[in-house]
Amino acid sequence: MDRYTAIRSFALIAEKGSFAAAAIVEGVTPVIMGRRLTSLERRLGVQLMHRSTRGLTLTDLGEQFLETCQQLLQDFDAAEDGISAGRNVVRGHLAVAAPAAFGRKHVAPHAVAFRTLYPELRLSFNFTDSVEDLVREGYDMAIRIGEVKDPNYVPVHLFPNRRVVCGTPEYFSQHGVPRIPEDLTRHNCLAFNLQGGQQRGWIFVRNGKPFAVRVEGDLACNDGELLYEWIKQGLGIGWRSTWEIQAELKDGSLMTVLDDFALPDYNIQAVYPQQRYLPAKVRHLIDFLRDIYNRPGYWEEKLPA
């Protein structure tokens, strides 16, 4: 039993005058309250209360200790209230990690407007496609695209997103439209990385079960924006997130294929480390970005060069 629980239980028993009345407040049994008091007395080496059939009375040492305990509990409550009040103050330093392309196009452009709302706040960003350990690297939050499996992080949904196979109408006019994933063996499939993207295959879902299709292509890179440009130039087809290509889908310069076999939603999420109180600076940035991303027509706007 921690010291705070022991002190609080002792003060509550003294206030209520019985184990039963104190137990109701604590939501435990009278036996547990009795054990807490006994454990505290044993640790201190003194008797704090007299027990009798008539009830409980404080010993002389118990009265002295109660006064000290009540002051400690008041100080603790005041400290906690002060911290809670600070949760609503947006100041200090906010460090944010995000995927490289997404961060440059959909986080950084909104930083000035957010900073204007909260002038006492300092912002710093790390835009990288590496998945950062937020606690170890010192980040307050991150933007992630896809499922967040780490139980040490709290995910907050910002906007729905999917990954789709896409290409230009001109490419499909020349090479044909794949109807099933196996048709990709006849297409130039652009891989996202140089570490065996084609060899591992592209993953699809059929009848609720994932499966891989081995693909080949003459271009591969570890830069999502470069791959995006190659696809728009009609050099091949590849996976892209819908957040990146909504404007092109609307104007018809890109089209998707194999949508019935695409992987489940690959949503845009904010994540932050598990903690008792969510800092105001994190909460306000999450709300700010969520409002922007859900603005009608936002994702269909042309991305800046």
Protein backbone atom coordinates (compact mmCIF):
# COMPACT_ATOMS: atom_id res chain seq x y z
CA MET A 1 0.00 0.00 0.00
CA ASP A 2 1.42 3.42 -0.97
CA ARG A 3 1.83 6.15 1.64
CA TYR A 4 -0.76 8.46 0.10
CA THR A 5 -3.48 5.79 0.30
CA ALA A 6 -2.51 4.99 3.88
CA ILE A 7 -2.62 8.64 4.98
CA ARG A 8 -5.88 9.34 3.14
CA SER A 9 -7.52 6.24 4.62
CA PHE A 10 -6.44 7.15 8.14
CA ALA A 11 -7.79 10.70 7.79
CA LEU A 12 -11.05 9.40 6.36
CA ILE A 13 -11.54 6.87 9.17
CA ALA A 14 -10.89 9.61 11.72
CA GLU A 15 -13.37 11.92 9.99
CA LYS A 16 -16.15 9.33 9.67
CA GLY A 17 -15.58 7.67 13.02
CA SER A 18 -15.91 4.08 11.73
CA PHE A 19 -14.44 1.66 9.24
CA ALA A 20 -17.86 1.08 7.68
CA ALA A 21 -18.56 4.76 6.95
CA ALA A 22 -15.07 5.31 5.57
CA ALA A 23 -15.33 2.17 3.44
CA ILE A 24 -18.47 3.51 1.71
CA VAL A 25 -16.58 6.62 0.61
CA GLU A 26 -13.60 4.60 -0.62
CA GLY A 27 -15.70 1.97 -2.33
CA VAL A 28 -14.07 -0.92 -0.45
CA THR A 29 -15.03 -3.17 2.45
CA PRO A 30 -14.68 -2.21 6.14
CA VAL A 31 -12.17 -5.05 6.50
CA ILE A 32 -9.89 -3.44 3.94
CA MET A 33 -10.08 -0.10 5.74
CA GLY A 34 -9.16 -1.83 8.99
CA ARG A 35 -6.18 -3.49 7.32
CA ARG A 36 -5.00 -0.16 5.96
CA LEU A 37 -5.03 1.40 9.40
CA THR A 38 -3.26 -1.57 10.98
CA SER A 39 -0.61 -1.58 8.27
CA LEU A 40 0.04 2.13 8.80
CA GLU A 41 0.35 1.70 12.55
CA ARG A 42 2.80 -1.17 12.12
CA ARG A 43 4.96 0.84 9.76
CA LEU A 44 4.99 3.83 12.14
CA GLY A 45 5.40 1.67 15.23
CA VAL A 46 2.67 3.52 17.14
CA GLN A 47 -1.06 3.09 17.81
CA LEU A 48 -3.12 5.80 16.14
CA MET A 49 -6.60 4.71 17.21
CA HIS A 50 -8.26 2.88 20.06
CA ARG A 51 -10.70 0.17 18.89
CA SER A 52 -13.64 -0.80 21.07
CA THR A 53 -17.20 -2.01 20.73
CA ARG A 54 -18.27 1.62 21.12
CA GLY A 55 -16.24 2.76 18.11
CA LEU A 56 -12.93 4.34 17.27
CA THR A 57 -11.11 7.12 19.11
CA LEU A 58 -7.81 8.77 18.34
CA THR A 59 -4.81 8.30 20.60
CA ASP A 60 -2.75 11.35 21.55
CA LEU A 61 -0.20 10.46 18.87
CA GLY A 62 -3.06 9.82 16.48
CA GLU A 63 -4.41 13.36 16.98
CA GLN A 64 -0.99 14.85 16.30
CA PHE A 65 -0.49 12.70 13.22
CA LEU A 66 -3.99 13.48 11.90
CA GLU A 67 -3.27 17.21 11.89
CA THR A 68 -0.10 16.63 9.87
CA CYS A 69 -1.90 14.25 7.49
CA GLN A 70 -4.72 16.71 6.84
CA GLN A 71 -2.21 19.40 5.89
CA LEU A 72 -0.36 16.98 3.59
CA LEU A 73 -3.59 16.02 1.85
CA GLN A 74 -4.54 19.69 1.38
CA ASP A 75 -1.12 20.44 -0.10
CA PHE A 76 -1.41 17.45 -2.43
CA ASP A 77 -4.85 18.53 -3.65
CA ALA A 78 -3.61 22.08 -4.22
CA ALA A 79 -0.64 20.82 -6.24
CA GLU A 80 -2.85 18.57 -8.34
CA ASP A 81 -5.35 21.37 -8.96
CA GLY A 82 -2.53 23.63 -10.09
CA ILE A 83 -1.29 21.07 -12.61
CA SER A 84 -4.82 20.44 -13.90
CA ALA A 85 -5.38 24.16 -14.42
CA GLY A 86 -2.16 24.28 -16.41
CA ARG A 87 -3.54 21.72 -18.82
CA ASN A 88 -5.57 24.48 -20.45
CA VAL A 89 -2.60 26.80 -20.95
CA VAL A 90 -1.06 26.45 -24.42
CA ARG A 91 2.58 27.38 -24.01
CA GLY A 92 6.02 25.84 -24.01
CA HIS A 93 7.54 23.65 -26.71
CA LEU A 94 5.55 21.27 -28.92
CA ALA A 95 7.61 18.69 -30.85
CA VAL A 96 5.80 16.84 -33.65
CA ALA A 97 6.89 13.99 -35.93
CA ALA A 98 5.13 13.17 -39.21
CA PRO A 99 5.70 11.27 -42.47
CA ALA A 100 7.91 13.34 -44.77
CA ALA A 101 5.55 14.13 -47.64
CA PHE A 102 2.46 14.39 -45.49
CA GLY A 103 4.21 16.64 -43.00
CA ARG A 104 5.47 19.03 -45.64
CA LYS A 105 2.11 19.31 -47.41
CA HIS A 106 -0.49 18.92 -44.67
CA VAL A 107 1.14 19.85 -41.36
CA ALA A 108 3.78 22.52 -41.96
CA PRO A 109 1.51 24.81 -44.07
CA HIS A 110 -0.83 25.16 -41.09
CA ALA A 111 1.87 25.86 -38.50
CA VAL A 112 1.77 29.64 -38.84
CA ALA A 113 -2.00 29.82 -38.33
CA PHE A 114 -1.76 27.57 -35.27
CA ARG A 115 1.16 29.57 -33.87
CA THR A 116 -0.87 32.78 -34.34
CA LEU A 117 -3.61 31.35 -32.12
CA TYR A 118 -1.10 30.43 -29.39
CA PRO A 119 1.79 32.93 -29.47
CA GLU A 120 3.40 31.54 -26.30
CA LEU A 121 4.00 28.18 -28.02
CA ARG A 122 7.19 27.10 -29.78
CA LEU A 123 6.83 24.48 -32.54
CA SER A 124 9.34 22.06 -34.00
CA PHE A 125 8.80 19.33 -36.59
CA ASN A 126 10.61 16.24 -37.78
CA PHE A 127 9.33 15.02 -41.13
CA THR A 128 10.62 11.53 -41.81
CA ASP A 129 9.26 8.24 -43.09
CA SER A 130 10.94 6.45 -40.18
CA VAL A 131 8.63 5.44 -37.32
CA GLU A 132 9.98 7.36 -34.35
CA ASP A 133 9.90 6.28 -30.71
CA LEU A 134 8.10 9.32 -29.33
CA VAL A 135 9.23 8.95 -25.73
CA ARG A 136 12.86 8.13 -26.47
CA GLU A 137 13.18 10.84 -29.12
CA GLY A 138 11.34 13.44 -27.06
CA TYR A 139 8.27 14.07 -29.24
CA ASP A 140 4.97 15.20 -27.77
CA MET A 141 2.94 13.67 -30.59
CA ALA A 142 3.13 12.31 -34.12
CA ILE A 143 0.99 11.98 -37.21
CA ARG A 144 0.78 8.39 -38.40
CA ILE A 145 -0.86 6.93 -41.49
CA GLY A 146 -2.13 3.42 -40.90
CA GLU A 147 -2.87 1.26 -37.87
CA VAL A 148 -1.22 2.12 -34.55
CA LYS A 149 -0.50 -1.13 -32.70
CA ASP A 150 1.76 0.05 -29.87
CA PRO A 151 -0.29 -0.07 -26.60
CA ASN A 152 1.93 2.68 -25.17
CA TYR A 153 0.43 5.18 -27.62
CA VAL A 154 -3.05 6.70 -27.80
CA PRO A 155 -4.34 7.04 -31.40
CA VAL A 156 -6.81 9.77 -32.38
CA HIS A 157 -8.58 9.49 -35.74
CA LEU A 158 -8.14 12.59 -37.91
CA PHE A 159 -9.47 11.60 -41.33
CA PRO A 160 -10.29 8.41 -43.27
CA ASN A 161 -7.77 7.35 -45.88
CA ARG A 162 -7.08 4.35 -48.10
CA ARG A 163 -4.12 3.07 -50.11
CA VAL A 164 -5.01 2.34 -53.71
CA VAL A 165 -3.28 1.21 -56.88
CA CYS A 166 -3.38 4.04 -59.41
CA GLY A 167 -2.04 5.25 -62.73
CA THR A 168 -2.82 7.64 -65.55
CA PRO A 169 -5.65 6.98 -68.04
CA GLU A 170 -3.02 7.10 -70.80
CA TYR A 171 -1.01 4.32 -69.15
CA PHE A 172 -4.07 2.07 -68.81
CA SER A 173 -5.18 2.88 -72.36
CA GLN A 174 -1.82 1.65 -73.61
CA HIS A 175 -1.30 -1.33 -71.30
CA GLY A 176 -4.82 -2.34 -70.33
CA VAL A 177 -6.70 -2.14 -67.03
CA PRO A 178 -5.94 -4.93 -64.53
CA ARG A 179 -9.17 -6.62 -63.38
CA ILE A 180 -7.67 -8.92 -60.75
CA PRO A 181 -4.38 -8.58 -58.82
CA GLU A 182 -2.79 -11.39 -60.81
CA ASP A 183 -3.03 -9.17 -63.92
CA LEU A 184 -0.28 -6.99 -62.44
CA THR A 185 2.33 -9.41 -63.72
CA ARG A 186 1.84 -7.74 -67.11
CA HIS A 187 2.33 -4.19 -65.79
CA ASN A 188 5.22 -1.91 -64.83
CA CYS A 189 4.76 -1.76 -61.05
CA LEU A 190 6.76 0.97 -59.36
CA ALA A 191 8.14 -0.11 -55.99
CA PHE A 192 8.37 2.17 -52.97
CA ASN A 193 11.85 1.08 -51.88
CA LEU A 194 15.07 -0.50 -53.04
CA GLN A 195 15.04 -3.29 -50.47
CA GLY A 196 12.95 -5.88 -52.26
CA GLY A 197 9.55 -4.22 -52.65
CA GLN A 198 8.77 -6.21 -55.80
CA GLN A 199 10.24 -9.43 -54.46
CA ARG A 200 8.03 -9.38 -51.38
CA GLY A 201 5.01 -8.69 -53.54
CA TRP A 202 2.06 -6.35 -53.24
CA ILE A 203 -0.51 -7.30 -50.63
CA PHE A 204 -4.23 -7.46 -51.46
CA VAL A 205 -7.33 -8.88 -49.78
CA ARG A 206 -9.67 -11.48 -51.26
CA ASN A 207 -12.60 -12.94 -49.32
CA GLY A 208 -11.28 -11.27 -46.19
CA LYS A 209 -7.84 -12.87 -46.42
CA PRO A 210 -4.60 -11.10 -47.42
CA PHE A 211 -2.44 -12.49 -50.19
CA ALA A 212 0.66 -11.34 -52.07
CA VAL A 213 1.20 -10.89 -55.79
CA ARG A 214 4.75 -10.82 -57.12
CA VAL A 215 5.23 -7.77 -59.32
CA GLU A 216 8.04 -6.28 -61.37
CA GLY A 217 8.96 -2.80 -62.48
CA ASP A 218 11.86 -0.82 -63.91
CA LEU A 219 11.80 1.99 -61.32
CA ALA A 220 12.04 1.87 -57.51
CA CYS A 221 12.86 4.43 -54.83
CA ASN A 222 12.54 5.21 -51.13
CA ASP A 223 10.96 8.61 -51.75
CA GLY A 224 7.16 8.63 -51.86
CA GLU A 225 6.99 12.00 -53.60
CA LEU A 226 9.26 10.84 -56.41
CA LEU A 227 7.17 7.71 -56.87
CA TYR A 228 4.07 9.90 -56.98
CA GLU A 229 5.64 12.01 -59.75
CA TRP A 230 6.58 8.91 -61.78
CA ILE A 231 3.00 7.66 -61.57
CA LYS A 232 1.63 11.04 -62.70
CA GLN A 233 4.06 10.98 -65.64
CA GLY A 234 2.58 7.67 -66.78
CA LEU A 235 5.78 5.68 -66.24
CA GLY A 236 3.98 2.90 -64.38
CA ILE A 237 1.47 2.21 -61.63
CA GLY A 238 1.85 2.11 -57.87
CA TRP A 239 0.27 2.32 -54.45
CA ARG A 240 -0.65 5.78 -53.17
CA SER A 241 -2.75 7.09 -50.33
CA THR A 242 -6.01 8.79 -51.21
CA TRP A 243 -4.95 11.89 -49.23
CA GLU A 244 -2.24 12.43 -51.84
CA ILE A 245 -4.20 11.93 -55.07
CA GLN A 246 -7.72 13.25 -54.43
CA ALA A 247 -7.19 16.30 -56.66
CA GLU A 248 -5.91 14.12 -59.52
CA LEU A 249 -8.77 11.67 -59.10
CA LYS A 250 -11.22 14.56 -59.31
CA ASP A 251 -9.74 16.09 -62.47
CA GLY A 252 -9.24 12.67 -64.06
CA SER A 253 -5.46 12.80 -64.42
CA LEU A 254 -5.20 9.66 -62.26
CA MET A 255 -7.52 6.69 -61.83
CA THR A 256 -7.58 3.78 -59.41
CA VAL A 257 -7.79 0.07 -60.19
CA LEU A 258 -8.35 -3.10 -58.16
CA ASP A 259 -10.32 -1.18 -55.53
CA ASP A 260 -12.26 -4.32 -54.57
CA PHE A 261 -9.00 -5.95 -53.50
CA ALA A 262 -7.42 -3.00 -51.70
CA LEU A 263 -6.26 -3.28 -48.10
CA PRO A 264 -8.50 -2.03 -45.26
CA ASP A 265 -8.57 1.65 -44.36
CA TYR A 266 -5.19 3.27 -43.85
CA ASN A 267 -6.42 6.19 -41.81
CA ILE A 268 -4.64 9.38 -40.83
CA GLN A 269 -4.17 9.48 -37.06
CA ALA A 270 -2.52 11.56 -34.39
CA VAL A 271 -0.76 9.61 -31.66
CA TYR A 272 0.70 10.58 -28.33
CA PRO A 273 2.25 8.62 -25.43
CA GLN A 274 -0.04 7.19 -22.78
CA GLN A 275 -0.31 9.68 -19.91
CA ARG A 276 -2.78 10.62 -17.23
CA TYR A 277 -3.34 14.16 -18.48
CA LEU A 278 -3.22 15.19 -22.14
CA PRO A 279 -1.27 18.48 -22.43
CA ALA A 280 -3.32 21.35 -23.81
CA LYS A 281 -0.74 22.02 -26.55
CA VAL A 282 -1.21 18.49 -27.91
CA ARG A 283 -4.97 18.50 -27.58
CA HIS A 284 -5.34 21.85 -29.35
CA LEU A 285 -3.11 20.89 -32.28
CA ILE A 286 -5.04 17.63 -32.76
CA ASP A 287 -8.35 19.52 -32.77
CA PHE A 288 -6.91 22.18 -35.08
CA LEU A 289 -5.70 19.67 -37.69
CA ARG A 290 -8.85 17.56 -37.48
CA ASP A 291 -10.99 20.61 -38.25
CA ILE A 292 -8.84 21.45 -41.28
CA TYR A 293 -8.77 17.90 -42.64
CA ASN A 294 -12.55 17.60 -42.36
CA ARG A 295 -13.20 20.88 -44.13
CA PRO A 296 -15.30 20.18 -47.25
CA GLY A 297 -13.13 19.97 -50.34
CA TYR A 298 -9.81 20.20 -48.48
CA TRP A 299 -8.29 17.02 -49.93
CA GLU A 300 -9.35 17.90 -53.46
CA GLU A 301 -7.31 21.10 -53.43
CA LYS A 302 -4.17 20.96 -55.52
CA LEU A 303 -1.12 20.30 -53.37
CA PRO A 304 1.62 22.95 -53.40
CA ALA A 305 4.64 22.21 -55.53
